[in-house]
N, C-alpha and C. Protein backbone atom coordinates (compact mmCIF):
# COMPACT_ATOMS: atom_id res chain seq x y z
N MET A 1 0.86 -1.18 0.00
CA MET A 1 0.00 0.00 0.00
C MET A 1 0.90 1.24 0.00
N ASN A 2 0.61 2.14 -0.89
CA ASN A 2 1.41 3.36 -0.92
C ASN A 2 0.67 4.50 -0.20
N PHE A 3 1.35 5.61 -0.05
CA PHE A 3 0.80 6.74 0.71
C PHE A 3 -0.45 7.32 0.06
N LYS A 4 -0.50 7.32 -1.24
CA LYS A 4 -1.65 7.91 -1.95
C LYS A 4 -2.92 7.13 -1.63
N GLU A 5 -2.84 5.81 -1.66
CA GLU A 5 -4.00 4.98 -1.32
C GLU A 5 -4.39 5.16 0.15
N PHE A 6 -3.38 5.23 1.02
CA PHE A 6 -3.66 5.40 2.44
C PHE A 6 -4.40 6.71 2.71
N PHE A 7 -3.90 7.80 2.16
CA PHE A 7 -4.54 9.09 2.40
C PHE A 7 -5.90 9.19 1.72
N ARG A 8 -6.10 8.48 0.62
CA ARG A 8 -7.41 8.43 -0.01
C ARG A 8 -8.41 7.73 0.92
N GLY A 9 -7.97 6.66 1.56
CA GLY A 9 -8.82 5.97 2.53
C GLY A 9 -9.13 6.84 3.74
N VAL A 10 -8.13 7.54 4.24
CA VAL A 10 -8.34 8.45 5.38
C VAL A 10 -9.31 9.55 5.00
N ALA A 11 -9.19 10.11 3.81
CA ALA A 11 -10.09 11.16 3.37
C ALA A 11 -11.52 10.64 3.25
N ARG A 12 -11.68 9.40 2.78
CA ARG A 12 -13.01 8.81 2.65
C ARG A 12 -13.65 8.64 4.04
N VAL A 13 -12.87 8.14 4.99
CA VAL A 13 -13.39 7.98 6.36
C VAL A 13 -13.73 9.35 6.94
N ASN A 14 -12.90 10.34 6.69
CA ASN A 14 -13.12 11.69 7.20
C ASN A 14 -14.42 12.28 6.65
N LYS A 15 -14.72 12.03 5.41
CA LYS A 15 -15.94 12.58 4.80
C LYS A 15 -17.19 11.85 5.28
N THR A 16 -17.09 10.54 5.49
CA THR A 16 -18.28 9.75 5.81
C THR A 16 -18.59 9.69 7.29
N LEU A 17 -17.64 10.01 8.15
CA LEU A 17 -17.87 9.93 9.59
C LEU A 17 -18.79 11.06 10.04
N ALA A 18 -19.89 10.69 10.67
CA ALA A 18 -20.83 11.69 11.19
C ALA A 18 -21.38 11.19 12.52
N ILE A 19 -21.54 12.11 13.45
CA ILE A 19 -22.08 11.80 14.77
C ILE A 19 -23.24 12.74 15.04
N GLU A 20 -24.36 12.16 15.49
CA GLU A 20 -25.52 12.95 15.89
C GLU A 20 -25.91 12.53 17.30
N ILE A 21 -25.81 13.47 18.23
CA ILE A 21 -26.20 13.24 19.61
C ILE A 21 -27.21 14.32 19.98
N GLY A 22 -28.48 13.95 19.94
CA GLY A 22 -29.52 14.93 20.21
C GLY A 22 -29.44 16.07 19.20
N PRO A 23 -29.35 17.30 19.69
CA PRO A 23 -29.29 18.43 18.76
C PRO A 23 -27.88 18.66 18.19
N LEU A 24 -26.87 17.97 18.72
CA LEU A 24 -25.50 18.15 18.24
C LEU A 24 -25.24 17.27 17.03
N ARG A 25 -24.70 17.86 16.01
CA ARG A 25 -24.33 17.12 14.80
C ARG A 25 -22.92 17.51 14.41
N ALA A 26 -22.12 16.51 14.10
CA ALA A 26 -20.75 16.78 13.67
C ALA A 26 -20.39 15.84 12.53
N ARG A 27 -19.57 16.33 11.64
CA ARG A 27 -19.17 15.55 10.48
C ARG A 27 -17.69 15.80 10.22
N GLY A 28 -16.97 14.75 9.91
CA GLY A 28 -15.56 14.88 9.57
C GLY A 28 -14.68 15.00 10.80
N VAL A 29 -13.75 15.94 10.76
CA VAL A 29 -12.78 16.12 11.84
C VAL A 29 -13.47 16.47 13.17
N PRO A 30 -14.48 17.37 13.21
CA PRO A 30 -15.15 17.61 14.49
C PRO A 30 -15.79 16.35 15.08
N ALA A 31 -16.30 15.47 14.22
CA ALA A 31 -16.87 14.21 14.72
C ALA A 31 -15.79 13.34 15.35
N ILE A 32 -14.63 13.32 14.74
CA ILE A 32 -13.51 12.55 15.31
C ILE A 32 -13.11 13.13 16.65
N LEU A 33 -13.05 14.46 16.75
CA LEU A 33 -12.71 15.11 18.02
C LEU A 33 -13.75 14.83 19.09
N MET A 34 -15.03 14.84 18.70
CA MET A 34 -16.09 14.51 19.67
C MET A 34 -15.96 13.08 20.16
N ALA A 35 -15.64 12.15 19.27
CA ALA A 35 -15.49 10.75 19.66
C ALA A 35 -14.32 10.57 20.61
N VAL A 36 -13.20 11.20 20.31
CA VAL A 36 -12.02 11.09 21.19
C VAL A 36 -12.32 11.73 22.54
N THR A 37 -13.02 12.86 22.54
CA THR A 37 -13.39 13.50 23.80
C THR A 37 -14.29 12.60 24.63
N GLY A 38 -15.23 11.93 23.99
CA GLY A 38 -16.11 11.00 24.70
C GLY A 38 -15.34 9.85 25.32
N ILE A 39 -14.35 9.34 24.61
CA ILE A 39 -13.54 8.24 25.14
C ILE A 39 -12.72 8.71 26.34
N VAL A 40 -12.16 9.91 26.25
CA VAL A 40 -11.36 10.45 27.37
C VAL A 40 -12.24 10.69 28.59
N ILE A 41 -13.44 11.22 28.39
CA ILE A 41 -14.36 11.44 29.51
C ILE A 41 -14.77 10.12 30.15
N ALA A 42 -15.07 9.12 29.32
CA ALA A 42 -15.46 7.80 29.85
C ALA A 42 -14.31 7.18 30.65
N ALA A 43 -13.09 7.33 30.18
CA ALA A 43 -11.93 6.81 30.91
C ALA A 43 -11.76 7.53 32.24
N GLY A 44 -11.99 8.83 32.26
CA GLY A 44 -11.90 9.58 33.51
C GLY A 44 -12.94 9.16 34.52
N ILE A 45 -14.17 8.96 34.05
CA ILE A 45 -15.24 8.51 34.94
C ILE A 45 -14.94 7.12 35.48
N ALA A 46 -14.47 6.23 34.62
CA ALA A 46 -14.12 4.87 35.06
C ALA A 46 -13.00 4.91 36.09
N GLY A 47 -12.00 5.75 35.87
CA GLY A 47 -10.92 5.87 36.84
C GLY A 47 -11.39 6.41 38.17
N ALA A 48 -12.30 7.39 38.14
CA ALA A 48 -12.84 7.93 39.39
C ALA A 48 -13.64 6.88 40.15
N LEU A 49 -14.40 6.07 39.42
CA LEU A 49 -15.16 5.01 40.08
C LEU A 49 -14.25 3.96 40.69
N VAL A 50 -13.17 3.62 40.00
CA VAL A 50 -12.23 2.63 40.54
C VAL A 50 -11.60 3.15 41.83
N ARG A 51 -11.26 4.43 41.87
CA ARG A 51 -10.64 5.00 43.07
C ARG A 51 -11.63 5.12 44.22
N SER A 52 -12.92 5.27 43.93
CA SER A 52 -13.89 5.50 44.99
C SER A 52 -14.64 4.24 45.42
N VAL A 53 -14.28 3.08 44.89
CA VAL A 53 -14.99 1.84 45.23
C VAL A 53 -14.94 1.54 46.73
N PRO A 54 -13.82 1.70 47.42
CA PRO A 54 -13.83 1.40 48.86
C PRO A 54 -14.80 2.27 49.66
N GLN A 55 -15.10 3.46 49.22
CA GLN A 55 -15.99 4.35 49.95
C GLN A 55 -17.44 4.20 49.54
N LEU A 56 -17.71 3.42 48.50
CA LEU A 56 -19.06 3.33 47.95
C LEU A 56 -20.09 2.76 48.93
N PRO A 57 -19.82 1.68 49.67
CA PRO A 57 -20.85 1.17 50.59
C PRO A 57 -21.28 2.19 51.65
N GLU A 58 -20.31 2.91 52.19
CA GLU A 58 -20.64 3.93 53.20
C GLU A 58 -21.48 5.05 52.58
N THR A 59 -21.14 5.45 51.37
CA THR A 59 -21.89 6.50 50.67
C THR A 59 -23.32 6.06 50.41
N LEU A 60 -23.50 4.80 50.01
CA LEU A 60 -24.86 4.29 49.75
C LEU A 60 -25.67 4.22 51.04
N ARG A 61 -25.04 3.81 52.15
CA ARG A 61 -25.76 3.79 53.43
C ARG A 61 -26.22 5.20 53.83
N GLU A 62 -25.33 6.17 53.66
CA GLU A 62 -25.67 7.55 53.99
C GLU A 62 -26.80 8.06 53.08
N ALA A 63 -26.73 7.73 51.79
CA ALA A 63 -27.78 8.16 50.86
C ALA A 63 -29.11 7.51 51.22
N ASN A 64 -29.10 6.26 51.65
CA ASN A 64 -30.32 5.57 52.07
C ASN A 64 -30.90 6.25 53.30
N GLY A 65 -30.04 6.57 54.26
CA GLY A 65 -30.52 7.26 55.46
C GLY A 65 -31.09 8.63 55.13
N LEU A 66 -30.46 9.35 54.22
CA LEU A 66 -30.97 10.65 53.82
C LEU A 66 -32.33 10.52 53.14
N ALA A 67 -32.49 9.52 52.28
CA ALA A 67 -33.77 9.32 51.60
C ALA A 67 -34.87 9.00 52.60
N LYS A 68 -34.56 8.17 53.59
CA LYS A 68 -35.57 7.84 54.60
C LYS A 68 -35.94 9.07 55.42
N THR A 69 -34.97 9.90 55.72
CA THR A 69 -35.24 11.12 56.47
C THR A 69 -36.11 12.07 55.66
N MET A 70 -35.84 12.19 54.39
CA MET A 70 -36.62 13.10 53.53
C MET A 70 -38.06 12.61 53.37
N ARG A 71 -38.26 11.28 53.37
CA ARG A 71 -39.61 10.73 53.26
C ARG A 71 -40.36 10.77 54.57
N GLY A 72 -39.66 10.94 55.65
CA GLY A 72 -40.31 11.01 56.96
C GLY A 72 -40.56 9.66 57.59
N GLU A 73 -39.85 8.63 57.17
CA GLU A 73 -40.02 7.32 57.76
C GLU A 73 -39.39 7.30 59.16
N PRO A 74 -40.00 6.59 60.08
CA PRO A 74 -39.41 6.52 61.43
C PRO A 74 -38.11 5.72 61.40
N ALA A 75 -37.17 6.15 62.19
CA ALA A 75 -35.88 5.46 62.24
C ALA A 75 -36.02 4.19 63.07
N ARG A 76 -35.38 3.12 62.61
CA ARG A 76 -35.38 1.85 63.34
C ARG A 76 -33.99 1.59 63.86
N LEU A 77 -33.91 1.08 65.07
CA LEU A 77 -32.62 0.72 65.63
C LEU A 77 -32.31 -0.72 65.27
N ASN A 78 -31.11 -0.95 64.81
CA ASN A 78 -30.68 -2.31 64.51
C ASN A 78 -30.17 -2.97 65.76
N ALA A 79 -30.62 -4.19 66.02
CA ALA A 79 -30.20 -4.90 67.21
C ALA A 79 -28.99 -5.75 66.94
């Protein structure tokens, strides 16, 4: 494969790539940038979740207690 064929293929992918997310539409290079940005954001969220896993059970217990308080349910003592 020579460079001319390679760049022709890249140009074809660049023209045909389109992303539509709700009201956002992108085609070509902006679509590629949006896709890369989405991957970076997903990796950041996954990394944050991995770091916060040890604290997750305590956070869920606190959120459950807050929800019960907001609903006005009587507190029960665990024996």
